[in-house]
Amino acid sequence: MKDFLQLQDKHIVIMGVANDRSIAWGVAQSLYAAGAKLIFTYRQERSAKKLNKLLEKNEMEASVIQCDVNDDDSIASAFAEIKDKFTTVHGLVHSVAHAHQEDLKGDFIDTSRDGYAFAQDTSAYSLVAVAKAVRPIMSEGGSIVTMSYLGADRVLQGYNVMGVAKAALEASVRYLANDLGPDNIRINAISAGPIRTLAAKGVPSFNDILSKVEHTAPLRRNVSAEEVGDMTVGLLGALSRGVTGEIVYVDAGFNIIGIG
């Protein structure tokens, strides 16, 4: 059978696995099933321990490398190590976002200057930084996928500063697509429906959002991390070789619904 995805033995960097509920973990499982060779990054040592236990439990072979996306030196060091070990990278999954808890409560207008800057740096600029770092080692071309959410486009109660950061992330995807295209590097974002992740716990209205999607989305259900993972595989693989700069919704169709 023809290998339509062409991901067998391709080196893919995955950033943002916190636990087995992470969207990035769903992506990792889909990529592993497609035969990709995975390179995980982590921020802190305790995260590395959790990640290694997760890999061991699921009998997955992968490399694990330290990278703090808020630190340019750490990013440079991580991708230098990746280059030394693997020479070439074919794909990167950016599933990193964070905001201070206090900036997700109350009104957006009360967002602190530091909180605004932190959310932007971690959730949006980090994509720009890692795209710049991986570009030289995507010498055979490649694909980058980042994770967004509907709050980038619409006001969602309790999402506040993160929604603004996701809007910046999506705009960054378009500008990066223009910069990276001549090197045959594609970049797209997936706007996933709400999924019970560690990050989701910080959104005060999350349970209400889940219920709303379940009752009003065309498919009348929420989506899983595995479904997001499968779409990510599609965007990383050869079948999407003509697609870049796009925001792809994996949300059971919720984004098309008006007032209901």
Protein backbone atom coordinates (compact mmCIF):
# COMPACT_ATOMS: atom_id res chain seq x y z
CA MET A 1 0.00 0.00 0.00
CA LYS A 2 1.27 3.46 -0.86
CA ASP A 3 2.46 5.55 2.09
CA PHE A 4 0.26 8.60 1.61
CA LEU A 5 1.36 10.37 4.80
CA GLN A 6 5.09 9.80 4.22
CA LEU A 7 5.85 10.21 7.94
CA GLN A 8 7.60 6.89 8.44
CA ASP A 9 10.95 7.51 10.19
CA LYS A 10 10.54 11.29 9.90
CA HIS A 11 11.82 13.34 12.85
CA ILE A 12 9.04 15.32 14.54
CA VAL A 13 9.54 17.65 17.52
CA ILE A 14 6.62 17.79 19.97
CA MET A 15 6.43 20.65 22.47
CA GLY A 16 3.87 20.82 25.26
CA VAL A 17 3.12 17.38 26.71
CA ALA A 18 2.14 17.84 30.37
CA ASN A 19 0.36 14.52 30.95
CA ASP A 20 -1.71 11.88 29.16
CA ARG A 21 -4.62 14.32 28.79
CA SER A 22 -2.56 16.87 26.89
CA ILE A 23 -3.53 17.62 23.31
CA ALA A 24 0.17 17.20 22.50
CA TRP A 25 0.02 13.64 23.86
CA GLY A 26 -2.89 12.83 21.57
CA VAL A 27 -0.76 14.18 18.73
CA ALA A 28 2.20 12.06 19.84
CA GLN A 29 0.13 8.88 19.81
CA SER A 30 -1.14 9.56 16.30
CA LEU A 31 2.35 10.37 15.03
CA TYR A 32 3.86 7.29 16.64
CA ALA A 33 1.21 5.14 14.97
CA ALA A 34 2.19 6.74 11.65
CA GLY A 35 5.79 5.64 12.16
CA ALA A 36 7.35 9.00 12.99
CA LYS A 37 10.42 9.31 15.20
CA LEU A 38 9.48 11.61 18.06
CA ILE A 39 11.53 14.23 19.88
CA PHE A 40 9.82 15.66 22.96
CA THR A 41 10.80 18.85 24.74
CA TYR A 42 10.17 19.69 28.36
CA ARG A 43 10.65 22.79 30.49
CA GLN A 44 11.49 21.55 33.99
CA GLU A 45 13.09 18.39 35.36
CA ARG A 46 9.86 17.26 37.01
CA SER A 47 8.19 17.47 33.60
CA ALA A 48 10.91 15.24 32.16
CA LYS A 49 10.25 12.61 34.81
CA LYS A 50 6.52 12.60 34.07
CA LEU A 51 7.17 12.44 30.34
CA ASN A 52 9.61 9.54 30.64
CA LYS A 53 7.13 7.61 32.79
CA LEU A 54 4.44 8.24 30.19
CA LEU A 55 6.67 6.99 27.39
CA GLU A 56 7.65 3.91 29.39
CA LYS A 57 4.03 3.12 30.26
CA ASN A 58 3.03 3.31 26.60
CA GLU A 59 6.16 1.48 25.38
CA MET A 60 7.13 4.36 23.11
CA GLU A 61 10.72 5.08 22.12
CA ALA A 62 11.55 8.77 21.83
CA SER A 63 14.16 11.41 22.62
CA VAL A 64 13.54 13.93 25.40
CA ILE A 65 15.28 17.33 25.37
CA GLN A 66 15.05 20.32 27.73
CA CYS A 67 13.68 23.56 26.25
CA ASP A 68 12.22 26.60 27.99
CA VAL A 69 10.32 28.58 25.35
CA ASN A 70 10.57 31.75 27.45
CA ASP A 71 14.37 31.67 27.19
CA ASP A 72 16.17 32.26 23.88
CA ASP A 73 19.36 30.59 25.11
CA SER A 74 17.42 27.49 26.11
CA ILE A 75 15.73 27.35 22.70
CA ALA A 76 19.08 27.72 20.92
CA SER A 77 20.63 25.00 23.07
CA ALA A 78 17.72 22.62 22.51
CA PHE A 79 17.74 22.90 18.74
CA ALA A 80 21.53 22.69 18.60
CA GLU A 81 21.22 19.39 20.47
CA ILE A 82 18.48 18.24 18.12
CA LYS A 83 20.66 19.09 15.12
CA ASP A 84 23.63 17.21 16.60
CA LYS A 85 21.55 14.11 17.25
CA PHE A 86 19.28 14.02 14.20
CA THR A 87 20.75 16.42 11.58
CA THR A 88 17.35 17.04 10.02
CA VAL A 89 13.87 17.71 11.39
CA HIS A 90 10.76 17.23 9.26
CA GLY A 91 8.03 18.55 11.53
CA LEU A 92 7.30 20.45 14.72
CA VAL A 93 4.21 20.53 16.92
CA HIS A 94 3.84 23.63 19.09
CA SER A 95 1.26 23.02 21.82
CA VAL A 96 2.42 25.57 24.38
CA ALA A 97 0.26 28.20 26.08
CA HIS A 98 0.06 29.72 29.53
CA ALA A 99 -1.31 32.75 31.35
CA HIS A 100 -1.36 33.82 34.97
CA GLN A 101 -4.44 32.48 36.75
CA GLU A 102 -5.46 35.94 37.98
CA ASP A 103 -5.60 37.20 34.39
CA LEU A 104 -8.24 34.61 33.47
CA LYS A 105 -10.64 35.86 36.13
CA GLY A 106 -12.83 38.94 36.15
CA ASP A 107 -12.75 41.42 33.28
CA PHE A 108 -10.16 41.50 30.51
CA ILE A 109 -9.72 45.24 31.03
CA ASP A 110 -8.12 44.50 34.40
CA THR A 111 -5.32 42.41 32.85
CA SER A 112 -1.96 43.42 34.28
CA ARG A 113 0.84 44.62 32.03
CA ASP A 114 3.08 41.78 33.19
CA GLY A 115 0.29 39.24 32.73
CA TYR A 116 -0.43 40.43 29.20
CA ALA A 117 3.24 40.26 28.24
CA PHE A 118 3.68 36.82 29.82
CA ALA A 119 0.69 35.32 27.99
CA GLN A 120 1.89 36.75 24.68
CA ASP A 121 5.48 35.60 25.19
CA THR A 122 4.58 32.06 26.21
CA SER A 123 1.59 31.44 23.98
CA ALA A 124 2.37 33.39 20.80
CA TYR A 125 5.96 34.63 20.54
CA SER A 126 7.24 31.17 21.48
CA LEU A 127 5.97 29.93 18.11
CA VAL A 128 7.99 32.60 16.31
CA ALA A 129 11.08 31.74 18.35
CA VAL A 130 10.95 27.98 17.78
CA ALA A 131 10.08 28.40 14.09
CA LYS A 132 13.21 30.50 13.69
CA ALA A 133 15.26 27.90 15.56
CA VAL A 134 13.98 24.89 13.62
CA ARG A 135 14.13 26.53 10.19
CA PRO A 136 17.83 25.80 9.50
CA ILE A 137 17.42 22.10 10.31
CA MET A 138 14.30 21.65 8.18
CA SER A 139 16.68 21.38 5.26
CA GLU A 140 14.38 18.98 3.38
CA GLY A 141 11.33 21.17 3.91
CA GLY A 142 8.81 20.42 6.61
CA SER A 143 5.64 21.31 8.43
CA ILE A 144 4.85 23.14 11.68
CA VAL A 145 1.51 22.85 13.49
CA THR A 146 0.41 24.96 16.45
CA MET A 147 -2.70 24.77 18.63
CA SER A 148 -5.25 27.57 18.88
CA TYR A 149 -8.81 27.95 20.14
CA LEU A 150 -12.04 29.71 19.20
CA GLY A 151 -11.33 32.37 21.82
CA ALA A 152 -8.89 33.88 19.32
CA ASP A 153 -11.83 34.91 17.17
CA ARG A 154 -14.69 35.35 19.64
CA VAL A 155 -15.16 36.63 23.16
CA LEU A 156 -15.42 33.68 25.56
CA GLN A 157 -16.06 34.31 29.23
CA GLY A 158 -13.04 33.44 31.36
CA TYR A 159 -10.63 33.17 28.41
CA ASN A 160 -9.62 36.83 28.53
CA VAL A 161 -5.89 37.43 27.94
CA MET A 162 -5.45 33.95 26.49
CA GLY A 163 -7.91 34.77 23.73
CA VAL A 164 -5.84 37.80 22.76
CA ALA A 165 -2.68 35.67 22.83
CA LYS A 166 -4.32 33.06 20.58
CA ALA A 167 -5.35 35.82 18.16
CA ALA A 168 -1.70 36.87 17.99
CA LEU A 169 -0.73 33.23 17.50
CA GLU A 170 -3.05 32.85 14.52
CA ALA A 171 -1.80 36.08 12.93
CA SER A 172 1.76 34.85 13.48
CA VAL A 173 0.92 31.66 11.58
CA ARG A 174 0.01 33.68 8.50
CA TYR A 175 3.13 35.85 8.60
CA LEU A 176 5.37 32.85 9.29
CA ALA A 177 3.79 30.97 6.39
CA ASN A 178 4.88 33.78 4.09
CA ASP A 179 8.43 33.79 5.48
CA LEU A 180 8.90 30.01 5.55
CA GLY A 181 7.20 29.12 2.28
CA PRO A 182 10.26 29.71 0.06
CA ASP A 183 12.08 27.07 2.13
CA ASN A 184 9.25 24.58 1.50
CA ILE A 185 8.25 24.79 5.16
CA ARG A 186 4.53 24.92 5.84
CA ILE A 187 2.85 26.15 9.02
CA ASN A 188 -0.78 25.84 10.08
CA ALA A 189 -2.84 26.07 13.25
CA ILE A 190 -5.51 23.75 14.56
CA SER A 191 -8.32 25.42 16.47
CA ALA A 192 -9.41 22.55 18.67
CA GLY A 193 -12.66 22.28 20.56
CA PRO A 194 -12.54 22.26 24.37
CA ILE A 195 -10.69 19.26 25.81
CA ARG A 196 -10.13 18.46 29.49
CA THR A 197 -6.44 19.25 29.72
CA LEU A 198 -4.33 20.58 32.57
CA ALA A 199 -4.44 24.05 31.02
CA ALA A 200 -8.23 23.92 30.72
CA LYS A 201 -8.55 23.74 34.50
CA GLY A 202 -7.48 27.37 34.65
CA VAL A 203 -10.47 28.57 32.61
CA PRO A 204 -13.31 29.32 35.07
CA SER A 205 -16.12 28.73 32.55
CA PHE A 206 -14.67 25.54 31.06
CA ASN A 207 -17.44 23.16 32.15
CA ASP A 208 -20.06 25.52 30.73
CA ILE A 209 -18.16 25.63 27.43
CA LEU A 210 -18.05 21.82 27.25
CA SER A 211 -21.78 21.60 27.83
CA LYS A 212 -22.53 24.30 25.25
CA VAL A 213 -20.51 22.52 22.57
CA GLU A 214 -22.07 19.14 23.34
CA HIS A 215 -25.58 20.50 22.92
CA THR A 216 -25.10 22.86 19.97
CA ALA A 217 -22.24 21.62 17.77
CA PRO A 218 -23.45 19.91 14.57
CA LEU A 219 -21.99 16.58 15.73
CA ARG A 220 -23.61 17.03 19.17
CA ARG A 221 -20.46 16.07 21.03
CA ASN A 222 -17.05 17.29 22.08
CA VAL A 223 -13.85 16.21 20.38
CA SER A 224 -10.95 14.18 21.77
CA ALA A 225 -7.22 14.77 21.86
CA GLU A 226 -6.87 11.77 19.55
CA GLU A 227 -9.05 13.46 16.92
CA VAL A 228 -6.90 16.57 17.12
CA GLY A 229 -3.86 14.30 16.88
CA ASP A 230 -5.13 12.68 13.70
CA MET A 231 -5.71 16.06 12.05
CA THR A 232 -2.23 17.14 13.10
CA VAL A 233 -0.82 14.07 11.38
CA GLY A 234 -2.70 15.12 8.26
CA LEU A 235 -1.19 18.61 8.37
CA LEU A 236 2.30 17.27 8.98
CA GLY A 237 2.08 14.65 6.25
CA ALA A 238 2.37 14.78 2.47
CA LEU A 239 -1.38 14.82 1.84
CA SER A 240 -1.49 18.49 2.94
CA ARG A 241 1.62 19.55 1.01
CA GLY A 242 -0.28 22.40 -0.67
CA VAL A 243 -1.70 23.83 2.56
CA THR A 244 -0.07 26.57 4.63
CA GLY A 245 -1.08 29.60 6.68
CA GLU A 246 -4.46 28.10 7.57
CA ILE A 247 -6.52 27.77 10.74
CA VAL A 248 -8.19 24.34 10.70
CA TYR A 249 -11.09 23.76 13.09
CA VAL A 250 -11.39 20.41 14.87
CA ASP A 251 -14.38 21.19 17.09
CA ALA A 252 -17.29 19.03 15.92
CA GLY A 253 -18.38 21.99 13.79
CA PHE A 254 -19.11 24.31 16.72
CA ASN A 255 -17.39 27.29 15.05
CA ILE A 256 -20.02 27.48 12.29
CA ILE A 257 -22.94 27.93 14.69
CA GLY A 258 -24.47 31.36 15.23
CA ILE A 259 -26.79 32.38 18.04
CA GLY A 260 -28.54 29.31 19.36
